[in-house]
Amino acid sequence: MKRIILSLVATLLPALAHAAAKPARPNLPPAKAANTVAWPTTPLSLPDAVEVALRQNSAVRKSQSDLEAAHGVVVQARAVQFPRVTGSINHTLIDQGAIEQAPFAAGIRTPDQSWNVRVQITQSIYEGGKIDSAKRTADLTRDQALLQHQTILADTVLAVRVNYDDALLAAQQILVQDASLELLKKELQDNQRRFEAGTVPRFNVLRAEVELANSRPRLIRARNALRIAKNNLANLLGYDVPRAIVDDIPLQLTGKLEADPTDIELPIALAKALEQRTELAALRKAERLRKEAITAAEAGRKPSAQVFAGVGSHSSRFSQHLTRDVSGWDIGWQASWNIFDGWLVKGKVAEATALHRKSEEELDDISRRIELDVRIGHSHFLEAREVLESQKKVQEQAEEALRLANARTEAGTGTQLDVLNAQTALTIARSTQIEALHALSVARARLERAMGLMLKTDGK
């Protein structure tokens, strides 16, 4: 009989384990034991950087763990649908003084040892609506976890785009300040030569030296901005910066700041945001989960019923030999109903109802905030585009003004101040141009994030 029981257990458990594993587990990349990521050997484009971040970023990896944890919650929620198999075994030794012998059975001694083995399977057939609710809850929990994970991915993509553009801006600012420094060095050399020839006073040389010295801090700040931008980007990409590196980290970029001419209309942006934002979709799932919580709480007012079947074996109560056993099976049903529970269920229903109302308010609030994000993002996008349009010909005009100022100075009709002013205007024009490109690129990235869009394959 014991072999029969063990065989029954061995047959039932794999089948039940297979049934419990029925919910599809999200396809996730394998978790890494440690972050020992090798630095890239080639310059990174923006799509490359995004791809690396989606593999290695700490927030993404933590979100993957949350997704795996949500899978465990889904399995727990579905558990009420499946039968439960329980097994028990015990052995008892009783003191002879604690055994009362039957006076009418003088020849029979009650044994001082006993054992029993039992395996039982129990299936819930009615739980007041909780079984169907558990299936819906499991599906909603899985969908909500996936949407929350997608939100983390979208936030990571935006952070990479912004920091990548910050690094490109700093790199181009270095080029602008280098060019400005070279112009001022040339101006100083020209004035030194003229001073030695006796055509200009010492004042011109001193002014050129002061302008050259004043331009160096801007170059130093631009280089520092590039260092900071690269460190921020490396952190987002999941790279550990070697402690021995102090100045420039080994992270090279291939992109450049460009203006995407594609227009984005506000009504279309608002419609896409309300349709595609994963935060809004996740809150819709949360609202439905709160509604299912009301169903689960109200189930406490209703009866529950289960059917069961079991098989067992126990030692004989009329024999001292432990090998003599009594075995058999049983089948039946059971039901229970909490007639009065001290208003416990009433309190649970009130709590679940209040939380459901709160989730509805949160849904309305996030919808308004998403619309606000889109409107603000679109306003910044229009501003950046208008600023860039206003700067289209300024750099060419500033270069021409500098050429004319130099020509007038060579001809003796211009002054050193005219040249220095023209050089300053050219530097400002170049700097404003790349800042406008950066502002437009960042504004587009933030607006697309507010609309719920992801990075396109062409990297724009």
Protein backbone atom coordinates (compact mmCIF):
# COMPACT_ATOMS: atom_id res chain seq x y z
CA MET A 1 0.00 0.00 0.00
CA LYS A 2 2.85 2.37 0.77
CA ARG A 3 4.27 1.77 -2.72
CA ILE A 4 0.86 2.60 -4.20
CA ILE A 5 0.77 5.90 -2.30
CA LEU A 6 4.28 6.85 -3.38
CA SER A 7 3.47 5.98 -6.99
CA LEU A 8 0.36 8.17 -6.83
CA VAL A 9 2.38 11.11 -5.52
CA ALA A 10 5.03 10.64 -8.21
CA THR A 11 2.32 10.64 -10.88
CA LEU A 12 0.37 13.67 -9.67
CA LEU A 13 3.14 16.11 -8.82
CA PRO A 14 4.72 16.47 -12.32
CA ALA A 15 1.29 16.99 -13.88
CA LEU A 16 0.38 19.67 -11.36
CA ALA A 17 3.75 21.35 -11.72
CA HIS A 18 3.22 21.48 -15.49
CA ALA A 19 -0.22 23.02 -15.02
CA ALA A 20 1.13 25.62 -12.60
CA ALA A 21 3.81 26.59 -15.10
CA LYS A 22 1.20 27.31 -17.76
CA PRO A 23 1.42 31.14 -17.53
CA ALA A 24 3.97 32.22 -20.11
CA ARG A 25 7.07 33.62 -18.50
CA PRO A 26 8.37 36.83 -20.07
CA ASN A 27 11.31 36.35 -22.44
CA LEU A 28 14.13 38.04 -20.56
CA PRO A 29 17.85 38.11 -21.17
CA PRO A 30 19.80 36.10 -18.63
CA ALA A 31 20.79 38.01 -15.54
CA LYS A 32 24.48 38.76 -15.19
CA ALA A 33 26.33 37.88 -12.05
CA ALA A 34 28.57 40.92 -12.17
CA ASN A 35 28.98 44.03 -14.31
CA THR A 36 32.26 43.23 -16.05
CA VAL A 37 31.38 44.93 -19.34
CA ALA A 38 34.22 45.57 -21.78
CA TRP A 39 34.59 49.09 -23.11
CA PRO A 40 33.72 49.60 -26.79
CA THR A 41 36.65 49.39 -29.18
CA THR A 42 34.94 51.50 -31.87
CA PRO A 43 33.11 54.83 -31.67
CA LEU A 44 29.44 54.59 -30.72
CA SER A 45 26.58 55.96 -32.76
CA LEU A 46 23.36 56.95 -31.01
CA PRO A 47 21.54 53.69 -31.93
CA ASP A 48 24.58 51.75 -30.70
CA ALA A 49 24.53 53.65 -27.41
CA VAL A 50 20.81 52.98 -26.97
CA GLU A 51 21.31 49.28 -27.67
CA VAL A 52 24.12 49.08 -25.10
CA ALA A 53 22.02 50.91 -22.50
CA LEU A 54 19.06 48.58 -23.00
CA ARG A 55 21.40 45.66 -22.26
CA GLN A 56 23.54 47.07 -19.47
CA ASN A 57 21.81 50.02 -17.80
CA SER A 58 21.23 49.47 -14.08
CA ALA A 59 17.64 50.71 -14.15
CA VAL A 60 16.83 48.34 -17.02
CA ARG A 61 18.44 45.39 -15.24
CA LYS A 62 16.52 46.15 -12.04
CA SER A 63 13.33 46.43 -14.06
CA GLN A 64 14.01 43.00 -15.54
CA SER A 65 14.23 41.64 -11.99
CA ASP A 66 10.92 43.34 -11.19
CA LEU A 67 9.45 41.66 -14.26
CA GLU A 68 10.63 38.27 -13.04
CA ALA A 69 9.16 39.02 -9.61
CA ALA A 70 5.86 39.90 -11.29
CA HIS A 71 5.91 36.48 -12.95
CA GLY A 72 6.03 34.98 -9.46
CA VAL A 73 3.04 37.10 -8.45
CA VAL A 74 1.16 35.84 -11.52
CA VAL A 75 1.84 32.23 -10.52
CA GLN A 76 0.59 32.97 -6.99
CA ALA A 77 -2.58 34.59 -8.33
CA ARG A 78 -3.35 31.58 -10.52
CA ALA A 79 -2.74 29.07 -7.72
CA VAL A 80 -6.37 29.11 -6.54
CA GLN A 81 -7.47 27.60 -9.88
CA PHE A 82 -5.38 24.46 -9.52
CA PRO A 83 -5.84 21.49 -7.21
CA ARG A 84 -3.72 21.24 -4.10
CA VAL A 85 -1.95 18.01 -3.22
CA THR A 86 -0.92 17.54 0.39
CA GLY A 87 0.93 14.69 1.96
CA SER A 88 1.39 13.89 5.62
CA ILE A 89 3.22 11.26 7.60
CA ASN A 90 3.71 10.85 11.32
CA HIS A 91 4.92 8.38 13.89
CA THR A 92 3.87 8.53 17.57
CA LEU A 93 5.31 6.84 20.65
CA ILE A 94 3.10 6.94 23.78
CA ASP A 95 4.11 6.34 27.39
CA GLN A 96 2.55 3.13 28.76
CA GLY A 97 1.21 5.04 31.74
CA ALA A 98 -0.78 7.28 29.44
CA ILE A 99 -2.55 4.37 27.73
CA GLU A 100 -5.93 3.38 29.06
CA GLN A 101 -6.70 -0.30 28.49
CA ALA A 102 -10.26 -1.47 27.77
CA PRO A 103 -11.52 -3.55 30.79
CA PHE A 104 -13.65 -5.78 28.59
CA ALA A 105 -10.73 -6.70 26.31
CA ALA A 106 -8.22 -8.14 28.72
CA GLY A 107 -6.34 -10.04 26.07
CA ILE A 108 -5.83 -7.03 23.79
CA ARG A 109 -3.26 -4.38 24.55
CA THR A 110 -3.49 -0.95 22.99
CA PRO A 111 -0.24 -0.38 21.08
CA ASP A 112 2.13 2.28 22.38
CA GLN A 113 3.27 3.22 18.86
CA SER A 114 1.31 4.33 15.81
CA TRP A 115 1.93 5.78 12.38
CA ASN A 116 -0.06 7.02 9.42
CA VAL A 117 0.59 8.16 5.85
CA ARG A 118 -1.90 10.13 3.75
CA VAL A 119 -2.00 11.88 0.38
CA GLN A 120 -4.97 14.12 -0.44
CA ILE A 121 -5.92 16.21 -3.46
CA THR A 122 -8.31 19.13 -2.98
CA GLN A 123 -9.96 21.20 -5.71
CA SER A 124 -11.89 24.40 -5.11
CA ILE A 125 -15.12 24.43 -7.08
CA TYR A 126 -16.65 27.65 -5.74
CA GLU A 127 -14.99 30.57 -3.96
CA GLY A 128 -17.57 33.32 -4.36
CA GLY A 129 -16.14 34.51 -7.69
CA LYS A 130 -12.53 34.49 -6.50
CA ILE A 131 -11.43 31.78 -8.97
CA ASP A 132 -12.40 33.70 -12.13
CA SER A 133 -11.11 36.91 -10.56
CA ALA A 134 -7.75 35.24 -9.90
CA LYS A 135 -7.31 34.47 -13.60
CA ARG A 136 -8.12 38.05 -14.57
CA THR A 137 -5.83 39.36 -11.84
CA ALA A 138 -2.96 37.23 -13.09
CA ASP A 139 -3.38 38.50 -16.66
CA LEU A 140 -3.64 42.12 -15.51
CA THR A 141 -0.60 41.79 -13.25
CA ARG A 142 1.47 40.39 -16.09
CA ASP A 143 0.38 43.13 -18.49
CA GLN A 144 0.99 45.86 -15.92
CA ALA A 145 4.51 44.59 -15.22
CA LEU A 146 5.34 44.56 -18.93
CA LEU A 147 4.05 48.12 -19.34
CA GLN A 148 6.06 49.33 -16.35
CA HIS A 149 9.14 47.69 -17.83
CA GLN A 150 8.50 49.45 -21.13
CA THR A 151 8.28 52.75 -19.25
CA ILE A 152 11.74 52.17 -17.80
CA LEU A 153 13.05 51.37 -21.28
CA ALA A 154 11.55 54.58 -22.68
CA ASP A 155 13.03 56.67 -19.85
CA THR A 156 16.42 55.07 -20.43
CA VAL A 157 16.29 55.78 -24.17
CA LEU A 158 15.46 59.44 -23.46
CA ALA A 159 18.30 59.76 -20.95
CA VAL A 160 20.76 58.28 -23.45
CA ARG A 161 19.58 60.60 -26.23
CA VAL A 162 19.90 63.70 -24.04
CA ASN A 163 23.30 62.76 -22.61
CA TYR A 164 24.59 61.75 -26.04
CA ASP A 165 23.57 65.18 -27.37
CA ASP A 166 25.19 66.83 -24.34
CA ALA A 167 28.47 65.12 -25.20
CA LEU A 168 28.19 66.18 -28.86
CA LEU A 169 27.45 69.76 -27.79
CA ALA A 170 30.48 69.86 -25.50
CA ALA A 171 32.72 68.42 -28.24
CA GLN A 172 31.57 71.04 -30.75
CA GLN A 173 31.90 73.81 -28.18
CA ILE A 174 35.54 72.80 -27.82
CA LEU A 175 35.98 73.23 -31.58
CA VAL A 176 34.34 76.66 -31.44
CA GLN A 177 36.46 77.84 -28.53
CA ASP A 178 39.60 76.43 -30.15
CA ALA A 179 38.82 78.37 -33.32
CA SER A 180 38.19 81.52 -31.27
CA LEU A 181 41.50 81.03 -29.47
CA GLU A 182 43.35 80.67 -32.77
CA LEU A 183 41.78 83.90 -34.09
CA LEU A 184 42.82 85.78 -30.96
CA LYS A 185 46.35 84.35 -31.15
CA LYS A 186 46.60 85.54 -34.74
CA GLU A 187 45.29 88.96 -33.71
CA LEU A 188 47.92 89.16 -30.96
CA GLN A 189 50.69 88.19 -33.38
CA ASP A 190 49.53 90.81 -35.90
CA ASN A 191 49.48 93.56 -33.26
CA GLN A 192 52.89 92.54 -31.92
CA ARG A 193 54.30 92.74 -35.43
CA ARG A 194 52.72 96.14 -36.01
CA PHE A 195 53.89 97.41 -32.63
CA GLU A 196 57.44 96.37 -33.47
CA ALA A 197 57.04 98.19 -36.77
CA GLY A 198 55.79 101.27 -34.91
CA THR A 199 52.38 101.44 -36.57
CA VAL A 200 50.25 100.69 -33.48
CA PRO A 201 50.65 101.58 -29.80
CA ARG A 202 51.47 99.18 -26.97
CA PHE A 203 47.80 99.44 -25.91
CA ASN A 204 46.73 97.31 -28.89
CA VAL A 205 49.09 94.50 -27.85
CA LEU A 206 47.85 94.60 -24.26
CA ARG A 207 44.21 94.53 -25.38
CA ALA A 208 44.89 91.50 -27.61
CA GLU A 209 46.64 89.72 -24.74
CA VAL A 210 43.68 90.39 -22.41
CA GLU A 211 41.17 89.09 -24.98
CA LEU A 212 43.28 85.97 -25.49
CA ALA A 213 43.50 85.34 -21.74
CA ASN A 214 39.75 85.88 -21.33
CA SER A 215 38.96 83.26 -23.97
CA ARG A 216 40.93 80.44 -22.32
CA PRO A 217 38.44 79.81 -19.43
CA ARG A 218 35.68 79.20 -21.97
CA LEU A 219 37.78 76.48 -23.60
CA ILE A 220 38.57 74.96 -20.19
CA ARG A 221 34.87 74.90 -19.31
CA ALA A 222 34.00 73.27 -22.63
CA ARG A 223 36.56 70.52 -22.05
CA ASN A 224 35.23 69.94 -18.55
CA ALA A 225 31.67 69.80 -19.90
CA LEU A 226 32.77 67.06 -22.31
CA ARG A 227 34.38 65.08 -19.49
CA ILE A 228 31.22 65.31 -17.40
CA ALA A 229 28.97 64.44 -20.35
CA LYS A 230 31.06 61.37 -21.18
CA ASN A 231 31.04 60.23 -17.56
CA ASN A 232 27.26 60.63 -17.40
CA LEU A 233 26.84 58.72 -20.65
CA ALA A 234 29.19 55.94 -19.54
CA ASN A 235 27.17 55.57 -16.34
CA LEU A 236 23.94 55.29 -18.33
CA LEU A 237 25.52 52.66 -20.59
CA GLY A 238 26.55 50.56 -17.61
CA TYR A 239 30.31 51.00 -17.96
CA ASP A 240 32.61 51.17 -14.96
CA VAL A 241 35.11 54.00 -15.46
CA PRO A 242 38.61 52.77 -14.54
CA ARG A 243 39.89 54.58 -11.48
CA ALA A 244 43.23 55.17 -13.13
CA ILE A 245 41.56 57.38 -15.77
CA VAL A 246 41.40 60.99 -14.64
CA ASP A 247 41.08 63.10 -17.77
CA ASP A 248 39.35 61.59 -20.80
CA ILE A 249 37.47 58.29 -20.56
CA PRO A 250 37.74 55.82 -23.48
CA LEU A 251 34.33 56.56 -24.97
CA GLN A 252 34.23 57.91 -28.52
CA LEU A 253 31.09 59.03 -30.35
CA THR A 254 30.40 59.15 -34.08
CA GLY A 255 27.32 61.33 -34.32
CA LYS A 256 26.95 65.06 -34.77
CA LEU A 257 24.25 67.55 -33.92
CA GLU A 258 21.76 67.78 -36.76
CA ALA A 259 18.32 69.31 -37.25
CA ASP A 260 15.54 66.89 -38.14
CA PRO A 261 13.17 68.84 -40.43
CA THR A 262 10.16 66.64 -39.61
CA ASP A 263 7.36 68.70 -38.09
CA ILE A 264 5.26 67.54 -35.13
CA GLU A 265 1.75 68.96 -34.81
CA LEU A 266 0.30 69.41 -31.34
CA PRO A 267 -3.10 67.68 -31.92
CA ILE A 268 -1.36 64.62 -33.36
CA ALA A 269 1.15 64.62 -30.50
CA LEU A 270 -1.65 64.74 -27.91
CA ALA A 271 -3.56 61.91 -29.58
CA LYS A 272 -0.47 59.71 -29.81
CA ALA A 273 0.44 60.38 -26.17
CA LEU A 274 -2.97 59.32 -24.86
CA GLU A 275 -2.83 56.25 -27.08
CA GLN A 276 0.78 55.14 -26.62
CA ARG A 277 2.08 56.27 -23.23
CA THR A 278 2.85 53.13 -21.24
CA GLU A 279 2.37 54.94 -17.92
CA LEU A 280 -1.26 55.57 -18.82
CA ALA A 281 -1.78 51.99 -19.99
CA ALA A 282 -0.19 50.66 -16.79
CA LEU A 283 -2.52 52.78 -14.66
CA ARG A 284 -5.50 51.45 -16.61
CA LYS A 285 -4.36 47.96 -15.65
CA ALA A 286 -3.93 49.12 -12.05
CA GLU A 287 -7.49 50.48 -12.01
CA ARG A 288 -8.82 47.13 -13.22
CA LEU A 289 -6.72 45.34 -10.61
CA ARG A 290 -8.31 47.49 -7.92
CA LYS A 291 -11.71 46.51 -9.28
CA GLU A 292 -10.76 42.84 -9.07
CA ALA A 293 -9.68 43.45 -5.47
CA ILE A 294 -13.27 44.46 -4.70
CA THR A 295 -14.48 41.17 -6.18
CA ALA A 296 -11.96 39.23 -4.09
CA ALA A 297 -13.01 41.09 -0.93
CA GLU A 298 -16.72 40.51 -1.57
CA ALA A 299 -16.03 36.79 -2.02
CA GLY A 300 -15.55 36.63 1.75
CA ARG A 301 -19.31 37.09 2.15
CA LYS A 302 -20.06 34.01 0.08
CA PRO A 303 -19.62 30.31 0.78
CA SER A 304 -16.68 28.29 -0.47
CA ALA A 305 -16.79 24.66 -1.52
CA GLN A 306 -14.15 22.08 -2.35
CA VAL A 307 -14.06 18.45 -3.41
CA PHE A 308 -11.32 16.16 -2.20
CA ALA A 309 -10.02 12.66 -2.63
CA GLY A 310 -7.36 10.91 -0.64
CA VAL A 311 -5.60 7.67 -0.02
CA GLY A 312 -3.89 6.66 3.20
CA SER A 313 -2.51 3.97 5.41
CA HIS A 314 -2.16 3.75 9.20
CA SER A 315 -0.99 1.23 11.73
CA SER A 316 -3.49 -1.14 13.31
CA ARG A 317 -4.95 0.05 16.60
CA PHE A 318 -5.28 -3.53 17.87
CA SER A 319 -1.81 -4.90 17.16
CA GLN A 320 1.61 -4.29 18.60
CA HIS A 321 3.19 -4.98 15.21
CA LEU A 322 3.84 -1.78 13.28
CA THR A 323 3.90 -3.67 9.99
CA ARG A 324 0.19 -4.39 10.23
CA ASP A 325 -1.61 -1.54 8.53
CA VAL A 326 -5.08 -0.46 7.50
CA SER A 327 -5.24 1.20 4.07
CA GLY A 328 -7.88 2.68 1.81
CA TRP A 329 -9.22 5.71 0.01
CA ASP A 330 -11.87 8.34 0.61
CA ILE A 331 -13.64 10.97 -1.46
CA GLY A 332 -15.97 13.77 -0.49
CA TRP A 333 -16.77 17.46 -0.48
CA GLN A 334 -16.75 20.24 2.04
CA ALA A 335 -18.17 23.73 2.30
CA SER A 336 -17.83 26.67 4.66
CA TRP A 337 -19.53 30.03 5.10
CA ASN A 338 -18.57 32.82 7.45
CA ILE A 339 -21.93 33.72 8.97
CA PHE A 340 -20.45 36.50 11.11
CA ASP A 341 -16.84 37.62 11.05
CA GLY A 342 -16.97 40.80 13.10
CA TRP A 343 -17.41 42.92 9.93
CA LEU A 344 -14.00 41.84 8.65
CA VAL A 345 -15.23 41.43 5.07
CA LYS A 346 -17.12 44.72 5.26
CA GLY A 347 -13.89 46.49 6.16
CA LYS A 348 -12.00 44.78 3.34
CA VAL A 349 -14.66 45.76 0.81
CA ALA A 350 -14.62 49.38 2.04
CA GLU A 351 -10.84 49.48 1.73
CA ALA A 352 -10.85 47.95 -1.77
CA THR A 353 -13.60 50.33 -2.93
CA ALA A 354 -11.73 53.40 -1.66
CA LEU A 355 -8.51 52.27 -3.35
CA HIS A 356 -10.44 51.73 -6.59
CA ARG A 357 -11.77 55.30 -6.45
CA LYS A 358 -8.23 56.51 -5.82
CA SER A 359 -6.95 54.62 -8.87
CA GLU A 360 -9.64 56.28 -11.01
CA GLU A 361 -8.48 59.70 -9.78
CA GLU A 362 -4.88 58.74 -10.50
CA LEU A 363 -5.89 57.74 -14.02
CA ASP A 364 -7.53 61.11 -14.63
CA ASP A 365 -4.56 62.92 -13.08
CA ILE A 366 -1.94 61.13 -15.17
CA SER A 367 -3.98 61.81 -18.32
CA ARG A 368 -3.92 65.55 -17.57
CA ARG A 369 -0.23 65.47 -16.70
CA ILE A 370 0.59 63.62 -19.92
CA GLU A 371 -1.26 66.27 -21.92
CA LEU A 372 0.67 68.94 -19.99
CA ASP A 373 3.97 67.17 -20.73
CA VAL A 374 3.13 67.13 -24.43
CA ARG A 375 2.11 70.79 -24.50
CA ILE A 376 5.25 71.90 -22.65
CA GLY A 377 7.44 69.66 -24.81
CA HIS A 378 5.82 70.98 -27.99
CA SER A 379 6.32 74.56 -26.81
CA HIS A 380 10.03 73.92 -26.21
CA PHE A 381 10.22 72.21 -29.60
CA LEU A 382 8.73 75.26 -31.36
CA GLU A 383 11.05 77.60 -29.45
CA ALA A 384 14.15 75.60 -30.37
CA ARG A 385 13.12 75.41 -34.02
CA GLU A 386 12.47 79.16 -34.21
CA VAL A 387 15.82 79.93 -32.57
CA LEU A 388 17.59 77.68 -35.05
CA GLU A 389 15.78 79.33 -37.97
CA SER A 390 16.88 82.75 -36.71
CA GLN A 391 20.53 81.62 -36.64
CA LYS A 392 20.70 80.18 -40.16
CA LYS A 393 22.66 83.03 -41.80
CA VAL A 394 24.14 84.64 -38.70
CA GLN A 395 27.38 82.62 -38.82
CA GLU A 396 27.97 83.47 -42.48
CA GLN A 397 27.31 87.15 -41.75
CA ALA A 398 29.67 87.08 -38.75
CA GLU A 399 32.44 85.50 -40.84
CA GLU A 400 31.97 88.14 -43.53
CA ALA A 401 31.99 90.92 -40.90
CA LEU A 402 35.29 89.63 -39.52
CA ARG A 403 36.81 89.50 -42.99
CA LEU A 404 35.75 93.10 -43.66
CA ALA A 405 37.04 94.27 -40.25
CA ASN A 406 40.45 92.70 -40.97
CA ALA A 407 40.53 94.26 -44.44
CA ARG A 408 39.69 97.71 -43.07
CA THR A 409 42.36 97.37 -40.40
CA GLU A 410 44.95 96.37 -43.01
CA ALA A 411 43.93 99.39 -45.09
CA GLY A 412 44.21 101.68 -42.08
CA THR A 413 40.54 102.65 -42.01
CA GLY A 414 39.48 100.26 -39.24
CA THR A 415 40.41 99.82 -35.60
CA GLN A 416 41.51 96.92 -33.46
CA LEU A 417 38.23 97.19 -31.56
CA ASP A 418 36.33 96.49 -34.78
CA VAL A 419 38.31 93.28 -35.29
CA LEU A 420 37.90 92.11 -31.70
CA ASN A 421 34.18 92.82 -31.78
CA ALA A 422 33.83 90.90 -35.03
CA GLN A 423 35.77 87.95 -33.59
CA THR A 424 33.56 87.93 -30.48
CA ALA A 425 30.42 88.09 -32.63
CA LEU A 426 31.63 85.16 -34.74
CA THR A 427 32.34 83.05 -31.65
CA ILE A 428 28.91 83.86 -30.23
CA ALA A 429 27.25 83.03 -33.56
CA ARG A 430 29.01 79.67 -33.80
CA SER A 431 28.23 78.84 -30.19
CA THR A 432 24.60 79.89 -30.54
CA GLN A 433 24.26 77.80 -33.69
CA ILE A 434 25.36 74.55 -32.06
CA GLU A 435 23.40 75.34 -28.90
CA ALA A 436 20.29 75.81 -31.05
CA LEU A 437 20.93 72.45 -32.77
CA HIS A 438 21.37 70.82 -29.37
CA ALA A 439 18.23 72.45 -27.98
CA LEU A 440 16.18 71.29 -30.98
CA SER A 441 17.50 67.73 -30.78
CA VAL A 442 16.82 67.51 -27.03
CA ALA A 443 13.39 69.14 -27.40
CA ARG A 444 12.45 66.61 -30.10
CA ALA A 445 13.66 63.73 -27.92
CA ARG A 446 11.63 64.95 -24.93
CA LEU A 447 8.54 65.58 -27.06
CA GLU A 448 8.75 62.12 -28.62
CA ARG A 449 9.10 60.63 -25.15
CA ALA A 450 6.03 62.59 -24.03
CA MET A 451 4.20 61.15 -27.07
CA GLY A 452 5.22 57.61 -26.12
CA LEU A 453 7.49 57.13 -29.14
CA MET A 454 10.72 55.14 -29.07
CA LEU A 455 13.98 55.77 -30.94
CA LYS A 456 13.74 55.12 -34.67
CA THR A 457 16.11 52.72 -36.38
CA ASP A 458 17.87 55.54 -38.24
CA GLY A 459 18.81 57.10 -34.92
CA LYS A 460 16.78 60.29 -35.35
